[in-house]
Protein backbone atom coordinates (compact mmCIF):
# COMPACT_ATOMS: atom_id res chain seq x y z
CA MET A 1 -0.07 0.14 -0.07
CA SER A 2 1.45 3.43 -1.01
CA VAL A 3 0.46 6.50 1.14
CA ALA A 4 1.17 9.96 -0.20
CA ALA A 5 0.50 13.37 1.58
CA ARG A 6 -1.18 15.92 -0.50
CA ASP A 7 -1.57 19.70 0.05
CA ALA A 8 -4.19 20.74 2.50
CA GLY A 9 -7.12 22.28 0.99
CA PRO A 10 -10.79 21.71 0.07
CA VAL A 11 -11.60 18.13 -0.51
CA ASP A 12 -14.01 17.39 -3.48
CA ASP A 13 -16.22 14.31 -2.15
CA GLU A 14 -17.52 13.78 -5.52
CA THR A 15 -14.34 13.50 -7.56
CA PRO A 16 -11.39 12.12 -5.65
CA LYS A 17 -8.18 13.76 -6.82
CA TYR A 18 -4.86 11.86 -6.97
CA ARG A 19 -2.38 14.67 -6.84
CA GLY A 20 0.14 13.07 -4.36
CA LEU A 21 2.03 10.76 -6.58
CA ARG A 22 1.73 11.55 -10.26
CA ILE A 23 3.82 8.48 -11.07
CA PHE A 24 0.38 6.66 -10.62
CA SER A 25 -1.53 9.10 -12.79
CA HIS A 26 -1.84 6.64 -15.66
CA PHE A 27 -3.62 3.95 -13.53
CA GLY A 28 -7.22 3.31 -13.98
CA LEU A 29 -8.61 5.68 -11.31
CA PRO A 30 -11.98 4.89 -9.57
CA LYS A 31 -14.81 6.69 -11.06
CA SER A 32 -17.94 8.19 -9.28
CA PRO A 33 -21.09 5.93 -9.74
CA GLY A 34 -22.72 8.85 -11.34
CA HIS A 35 -20.25 9.58 -13.98
CA GLN A 36 -21.62 11.39 -17.00
CA ILE A 37 -23.70 9.34 -19.52
CA LYS A 38 -22.81 10.19 -23.21
CA GLY A 39 -24.71 8.85 -26.14
CA ASP A 40 -27.65 6.52 -26.45
CA ILE A 41 -26.88 4.15 -23.72
CA HIS A 42 -29.06 1.17 -23.07
CA PRO A 43 -30.53 0.98 -19.44
CA ALA A 44 -28.94 -2.55 -19.03
CA ILE A 45 -25.55 -0.96 -19.80
CA ILE A 46 -26.12 2.02 -17.34
CA ARG A 47 -27.09 -0.50 -14.63
CA LEU A 48 -24.06 -2.60 -15.15
CA GLY A 49 -21.79 0.50 -15.24
CA LEU A 50 -22.91 1.39 -11.73
CA LEU A 51 -22.33 -2.15 -10.53
CA PHE A 52 -18.93 -2.09 -11.87
CA SER A 53 -18.00 1.20 -10.48
CA GLU A 54 -19.21 0.40 -7.09
CA PHE A 55 -17.49 -3.11 -7.24
CA LYS A 56 -20.71 -4.92 -6.67
CA ILE A 57 -19.68 -7.13 -9.69
CA SER A 58 -15.91 -8.15 -9.63
CA GLY A 59 -13.78 -10.86 -10.79
CA ALA A 60 -12.77 -11.46 -14.41
CA ASN A 61 -15.37 -14.09 -15.07
CA ALA A 62 -18.32 -12.40 -13.37
CA ARG A 63 -17.53 -9.21 -15.25
CA CYS A 64 -17.25 -10.82 -18.54
CA ILE A 65 -20.50 -12.88 -18.15
CA ALA A 66 -22.37 -9.75 -16.95
CA THR A 67 -21.06 -7.74 -19.87
CA LEU A 68 -22.06 -10.31 -22.51
CA THR A 69 -25.60 -10.68 -20.75
CA ALA A 70 -26.07 -6.96 -20.94
CA PHE A 71 -25.05 -7.07 -24.60
CA LYS A 72 -27.80 -9.51 -25.29
CA ALA A 73 -30.36 -7.08 -23.86
CA VAL A 74 -28.89 -4.19 -26.20
CA ILE A 75 -28.91 -6.51 -29.37
CA GLN A 76 -32.55 -7.62 -28.71
CA ASP A 77 -33.77 -4.12 -28.42
CA TYR A 78 -31.83 -2.74 -31.45
CA HIS A 79 -33.50 -1.98 -34.59
CA THR A 80 -31.55 -1.42 -37.79
CA PRO A 81 -32.27 2.08 -39.24
CA ALA A 82 -33.53 2.35 -42.81
CA HIS A 83 -30.70 2.08 -45.55
CA ASN A 84 -28.47 0.30 -43.18
CA THR A 85 -27.38 -3.33 -42.49
CA LEU A 86 -27.29 -4.93 -38.96
CA SER A 87 -23.65 -6.16 -39.65
CA ARG A 88 -22.39 -2.58 -40.04
CA HIS A 89 -24.70 -0.44 -37.89
CA LEU A 90 -24.91 -2.58 -34.94
CA MET A 91 -21.14 -2.09 -34.53
CA THR A 92 -21.64 1.64 -34.38
CA HIS A 93 -24.36 1.17 -31.88
CA LEU A 94 -22.40 -0.89 -29.65
CA SER A 95 -19.38 1.53 -29.43
CA PRO A 96 -20.91 4.02 -26.85
CA GLN A 97 -22.22 1.18 -24.81
CA ILE A 98 -18.56 0.03 -24.61
CA THR A 99 -17.22 3.38 -23.91
CA HIS A 100 -19.67 3.72 -21.09
CA LEU A 101 -18.61 0.47 -19.46
CA VAL A 102 -14.90 1.56 -19.67
CA SER A 103 -15.76 4.92 -18.17
CA ALA A 104 -17.04 3.12 -15.18
CA ARG A 105 -13.97 0.87 -14.83
CA PRO A 106 -11.03 -0.16 -17.04
CA MET A 107 -11.85 -2.93 -19.38
CA SER A 108 -10.58 -6.45 -18.40
CA VAL A 109 -8.81 -8.71 -20.72
CA THR A 110 -11.64 -11.22 -20.61
CA MET A 111 -14.10 -8.41 -21.56
CA GLY A 112 -11.94 -7.25 -24.46
CA ASN A 113 -11.43 -10.83 -25.94
CA ALA A 114 -15.20 -11.64 -25.67
CA ILE A 115 -16.12 -8.09 -27.27
CA ARG A 116 -13.64 -8.70 -30.07
CA GLN A 117 -15.20 -12.03 -30.87
CA LEU A 118 -18.63 -10.46 -30.70
CA LYS A 119 -17.77 -8.02 -33.26
CA LEU A 120 -16.36 -10.56 -35.61
CA GLU A 121 -19.69 -12.41 -35.30
CA ILE A 122 -21.68 -9.21 -36.05
CA SER A 123 -19.54 -8.30 -39.07
CA GLY A 124 -20.18 -11.99 -40.31
CA SER A 125 -23.90 -11.84 -39.86
CA ASP A 126 -25.89 -12.92 -42.95
CA ILE A 127 -27.37 -9.78 -44.50
CA ASP A 128 -30.32 -11.96 -45.90
CA LEU A 129 -31.45 -13.20 -42.60
CA PRO A 130 -34.42 -11.43 -41.01
CA GLU A 131 -33.45 -8.87 -38.28
CA GLN A 132 -34.90 -10.79 -35.52
CA ASP A 133 -33.49 -14.13 -36.61
CA ALA A 134 -29.85 -12.33 -36.98
CA LYS A 135 -30.40 -11.01 -33.43
CA ASP A 136 -31.41 -14.40 -32.07
CA ALA A 137 -28.38 -16.04 -33.69
CA LEU A 138 -26.10 -13.56 -32.14
CA CYS A 139 -27.65 -14.15 -28.69
CA THR A 140 -27.09 -17.69 -29.26
CA LYS A 141 -23.56 -17.19 -29.88
CA ILE A 142 -23.02 -15.23 -26.79
CA ASP A 143 -24.71 -18.04 -24.79
CA ASP A 144 -22.33 -20.60 -26.44
CA TYR A 145 -19.34 -18.46 -25.62
CA ILE A 146 -20.13 -18.26 -21.86
CA ARG A 147 -20.92 -21.99 -21.80
CA GLU A 148 -17.84 -23.24 -23.63
CA ARG A 149 -15.16 -20.58 -22.83
CA ILE A 150 -16.23 -20.07 -19.04
CA ILE A 151 -18.58 -22.65 -17.50
CA THR A 152 -17.48 -25.73 -19.26
CA ALA A 153 -13.77 -24.58 -19.21
CA ASP A 154 -13.98 -24.36 -15.49
CA GLU A 155 -15.37 -27.84 -15.21
CA VAL A 156 -12.42 -29.10 -17.11
CA ILE A 157 -10.04 -27.18 -15.06
CA GLU A 158 -11.85 -28.53 -11.85
CA GLU A 159 -11.13 -32.25 -13.04
CA PHE A 160 -7.41 -31.37 -14.18
CA ALA A 161 -6.55 -29.56 -10.96
CA GLY A 162 -8.49 -31.89 -8.85
CA ASN A 163 -6.43 -34.91 -10.05
CA LYS A 164 -3.46 -33.21 -8.68
CA ILE A 165 -4.84 -32.86 -5.35
CA LYS A 166 -4.31 -35.78 -2.84
CA ASP A 167 -5.65 -36.83 0.65
CA GLY A 168 -4.11 -34.86 3.31
CA ASP A 169 -2.98 -31.79 1.24
CA VAL A 170 -2.94 -28.51 2.74
CA ILE A 171 -3.73 -25.95 -0.12
CA LEU A 172 -3.10 -22.33 0.17
CA ALA A 173 -5.26 -19.93 -1.66
CA TYR A 174 -4.97 -16.21 -1.95
CA ALA A 175 -7.75 -13.77 -2.03
CA ARG A 176 -10.68 -15.28 -4.08
CA SER A 177 -10.77 -16.88 -7.57
CA SER A 178 -13.99 -18.26 -8.72
CA VAL A 179 -12.18 -21.06 -10.47
CA VAL A 180 -9.98 -21.91 -7.62
CA GLU A 181 -13.00 -22.01 -5.40
CA LYS A 182 -14.72 -24.59 -7.63
CA VAL A 183 -11.48 -26.64 -7.66
CA LEU A 184 -11.50 -26.86 -3.88
CA LEU A 185 -15.23 -27.60 -3.82
CA ARG A 186 -14.96 -30.36 -6.36
CA ALA A 187 -11.92 -32.02 -4.47
CA HIS A 188 -13.94 -31.98 -1.22
CA ALA A 189 -16.99 -33.37 -3.00
CA ASP A 190 -14.96 -36.07 -4.42
CA GLY A 191 -14.21 -37.14 -0.86
CA LYS A 192 -10.59 -35.95 -0.61
CA ARG A 193 -9.56 -34.94 2.70
CA ILE A 194 -8.04 -31.45 2.28
CA SER A 195 -7.63 -28.48 4.41
CA VAL A 196 -7.28 -24.85 3.03
CA VAL A 197 -5.35 -21.85 4.18
CA VAL A 198 -6.99 -18.78 3.02
CA VAL A 199 -4.58 -15.72 2.82
CA ASP A 200 -6.02 -12.34 2.46
CA SER A 201 -5.14 -8.74 2.15
CA ARG A 202 -6.70 -5.30 1.84
CA PRO A 203 -8.11 -3.34 0.25
CA LEU A 204 -11.06 -5.77 -1.04
CA LEU A 205 -10.52 -8.59 1.54
CA GLU A 206 -12.05 -11.03 -0.86
CA GLY A 207 -10.64 -14.10 0.81
CA LYS A 208 -13.41 -13.66 3.36
CA PHE A 209 -15.98 -14.64 0.57
CA LEU A 210 -13.86 -17.69 -0.30
CA LEU A 211 -13.66 -18.65 3.40
CA ARG A 212 -17.32 -18.37 3.89
CA THR A 213 -17.95 -20.77 0.97
CA LEU A 214 -15.41 -23.37 1.90
CA THR A 215 -16.40 -23.51 5.61
CA ALA A 216 -20.13 -23.81 4.59
CA ALA A 217 -19.20 -26.88 2.50
CA GLY A 218 -17.37 -28.41 5.44
CA ILE A 219 -13.83 -27.85 4.44
CA PRO A 220 -11.46 -27.28 7.33
CA CYS A 221 -9.86 -23.84 6.71
CA THR A 222 -7.30 -21.31 8.34
CA TYR A 223 -7.67 -17.67 7.61
CA THR A 224 -4.79 -15.15 7.80
CA LEU A 225 -3.71 -11.92 6.42
CA LEU A 226 -0.72 -11.45 3.96
CA PRO A 227 1.90 -10.37 6.47
CA ALA A 228 1.67 -13.87 8.25
CA LEU A 229 2.46 -15.79 4.89
CA PRO A 230 5.74 -17.06 5.95
CA SER A 231 4.22 -18.66 9.06
CA VAL A 232 1.63 -20.73 7.18
CA LEU A 233 3.69 -21.78 4.15
CA SER A 234 5.73 -24.31 6.22
CA GLU A 235 2.66 -26.45 6.52
CA THR A 236 1.42 -25.99 2.93
CA THR A 237 1.68 -28.63 0.20
CA THR A 238 0.41 -26.72 -2.92
CA VAL A 239 -0.47 -23.07 -3.76
CA LEU A 240 -3.48 -22.66 -5.89
CA LEU A 241 -3.93 -19.18 -7.59
CA GLY A 242 -6.26 -17.56 -9.89
CA ALA A 243 -5.64 -15.17 -12.87
CA HIS A 244 -7.00 -11.93 -14.17
CA SER A 245 -5.11 -12.42 -17.32
CA LEU A 246 -2.37 -14.64 -18.63
CA HIS A 247 0.39 -13.17 -21.01
CA SER A 248 2.38 -14.71 -23.84
CA ASN A 249 5.69 -14.37 -21.83
CA GLY A 250 4.10 -16.55 -19.16
CA ALA A 251 3.47 -13.74 -16.84
CA VAL A 252 0.34 -13.94 -14.51
CA TYR A 253 -1.59 -10.79 -13.92
CA SER A 254 -3.60 -11.27 -10.76
CA ARG A 255 -4.79 -9.67 -7.55
CA ALA A 256 -2.21 -7.63 -5.89
CA GLY A 257 -0.19 -9.86 -3.51
CA THR A 258 -0.42 -12.85 -5.72
CA ALA A 259 3.25 -12.30 -6.68
CA MET A 260 4.46 -12.26 -3.23
CA VAL A 261 2.74 -15.31 -2.43
CA ALA A 262 4.13 -17.18 -5.57
CA MET A 263 7.69 -15.75 -5.05
CA LEU A 264 7.82 -16.93 -1.26
CA ALA A 265 6.37 -20.26 -2.15
CA LYS A 266 9.02 -20.94 -4.61
CA GLN A 267 11.64 -20.18 -1.90
CA TYR A 268 9.86 -22.74 0.14
CA GLY A 269 9.93 -25.31 -2.65
CA ILE A 270 6.03 -25.35 -2.77
CA PRO A 271 4.42 -26.02 -6.09
CA VAL A 272 2.50 -22.94 -7.33
CA VAL A 273 -0.50 -23.88 -9.76
CA VAL A 274 -2.35 -21.19 -11.48
CA CYS A 275 -5.90 -22.12 -12.73
CA CYS A 276 -6.81 -19.98 -15.67
CA GLU A 277 -9.32 -20.35 -18.60
CA THR A 278 -7.73 -19.81 -21.99
CA TYR A 279 -10.01 -16.83 -22.85
CA LYS A 280 -8.01 -14.92 -20.23
CA PHE A 281 -4.89 -15.18 -22.66
CA SER A 282 -3.43 -11.93 -23.99
CA GLU A 283 -0.93 -12.04 -26.76
CA GLY A 284 0.70 -8.87 -25.41
CA LEU A 285 3.80 -8.99 -23.23
CA MET A 286 3.76 -7.67 -19.80
CA LEU A 287 6.87 -7.11 -17.56
CA ASP A 288 5.43 -5.49 -14.43
CA GLY A 289 2.31 -4.25 -12.79
CA PHE A 290 3.24 -0.63 -13.13
CA GLY A 291 2.59 0.00 -16.91
CA LYS A 292 -1.11 -1.05 -16.53
CA ASN A 293 -3.14 -1.33 -13.26
CA GLU A 294 -6.10 -0.10 -11.37
CA LEU A 295 -6.65 1.64 -8.09
CA ALA A 296 -8.96 0.50 -5.37
CA PRO A 297 -12.03 2.58 -4.96
CA PRO A 298 -11.79 5.26 -2.16
CA LYS A 299 -14.46 3.73 0.05
CA PHE A 300 -12.24 0.58 0.50
CA SER A 301 -9.16 2.59 1.40
CA GLN A 302 -11.37 5.05 3.72
CA SER A 303 -12.54 2.12 5.62
CA ALA A 304 -9.10 0.81 6.41
CA THR A 305 -7.49 4.19 7.19
CA GLY A 306 -10.18 6.69 7.92
CA THR A 307 -10.69 9.83 5.98
CA THR A 308 -8.60 13.15 6.39
CA ALA A 309 -7.84 16.04 4.22
CA THR A 310 -4.10 15.26 4.04
CA LEU A 311 -4.07 11.55 3.52
CA GLU A 312 -4.25 9.86 0.08
CA VAL A 313 -4.23 6.07 -0.11
CA LEU A 314 -3.10 4.58 -3.25
CA GLU A 315 -3.78 0.76 -3.63
CA PRO A 316 -3.20 -0.91 -6.89
CA LEU A 317 -5.49 -3.78 -7.43
CA TYR A 318 -3.16 -6.06 -9.41
CA ASP A 319 0.45 -7.07 -9.66
CA LEU A 320 2.49 -9.41 -12.13
CA THR A 321 3.86 -12.72 -11.21
CA PRO A 322 6.93 -13.71 -13.36
CA PRO A 323 6.71 -17.19 -15.02
CA THR A 324 9.75 -18.33 -13.02
CA CYS A 325 7.60 -18.50 -9.84
CA VAL A 326 4.79 -20.66 -11.49
CA THR A 327 5.05 -24.38 -11.70
CA ALA A 328 2.16 -24.99 -14.05
CA VAL A 329 -0.95 -23.29 -15.44
CA VAL A 330 -3.96 -25.52 -15.38
CA THR A 331 -6.36 -24.52 -18.51
CA GLU A 332 -9.14 -26.37 -20.08
CA VAL A 333 -6.58 -27.61 -22.77
CA GLY A 334 -4.41 -29.23 -20.28
CA LEU A 335 -1.49 -28.30 -17.91
CA ILE A 336 0.84 -25.88 -19.57
CA PRO A 337 4.30 -24.87 -18.12
CA PRO A 338 4.83 -21.09 -18.21
CA SER A 339 7.39 -21.48 -21.00
CA SER A 340 4.87 -22.73 -23.29
CA ILE A 341 2.04 -20.24 -22.62
CA SER A 342 2.39 -18.62 -25.96
CA SER A 343 1.16 -21.99 -27.51
CA ILE A 344 -2.22 -21.33 -26.12
CA PRO A 345 -3.76 -19.86 -29.36
CA LEU A 346 -2.31 -22.70 -31.52
CA ALA A 347 -3.76 -25.23 -28.98
CA MET A 348 -7.26 -23.48 -29.25
CA GLY A 349 -7.36 -23.14 -32.97
CA ARG A 350 -9.36 -20.27 -34.37
CA SER A 351 -12.11 -20.07 -31.63
CA THR A 352 -15.31 -18.44 -32.32
CA LEU A 353 -17.78 -16.62 -30.18
């Protein structure tokens, strides 16, 4: 957590100003829930933008599913103007919807990948199809994408990762990953006697949600915060981590603190396994978590530190784990060593939405 003092003066409650450290000025700054609406924005997109800006929907999978579901509503309510075709004009209609979501919170890699595939499907729509049939076909493609690239992918990852879990394993999980949560629940349901150490950190304290789910299922758990990590690693057999995105150089972009967990686990000789669907893959290189990041909303920082006119709390939400600290990445196409991450597009072929 970085804390910077700023000059005393009037505090604007509506628009937080990050003047203390300009070095962070390029990060995605939290937006006010009432940020200006520009263009013809569908009510489903306005509602989703509010949920994103207030962090009521978070996590790469949840945000992608919510975005695609909202786009289904946009598509169904869309009508092609006279002297236009759906395959061309709908793309124009979607642009301000996407811009509005990005103005609420920076776009995730998963959302970007899904939107690119959706645009490809729109551009390839049969111009001879009746409009409603074309819209129904696009909505079906969206449903297929969610089912195949997220839901079914998670089921396959559950099986692959679950096969690596043995009776008596003590598994360390950091913060909360929806797919890691599913892997642990699946292993427990399969009768494997496991225990879980949930390591958490501010500002979001997402591990509490994971802890609640696991204990409700009857899995023995230990809960601790990130500073106590060395104390619990000595009893850990495997570290399971989630990912926000996976890059072609094998780097894992995930919740801030993930890199620390992976690096320290490597020093202890503990396998570090990342569970990640292939639709989170980015062909771009990422060398650190500074070039691109996002800051926690002020309300989370204020709850931890209180509010004063001279205190500015800067809490990046993500960090980058180098591939040298990852033992394997579990995807729906199999277990992949970090050195072979760039082979994911070849393994998937030319996927469609």
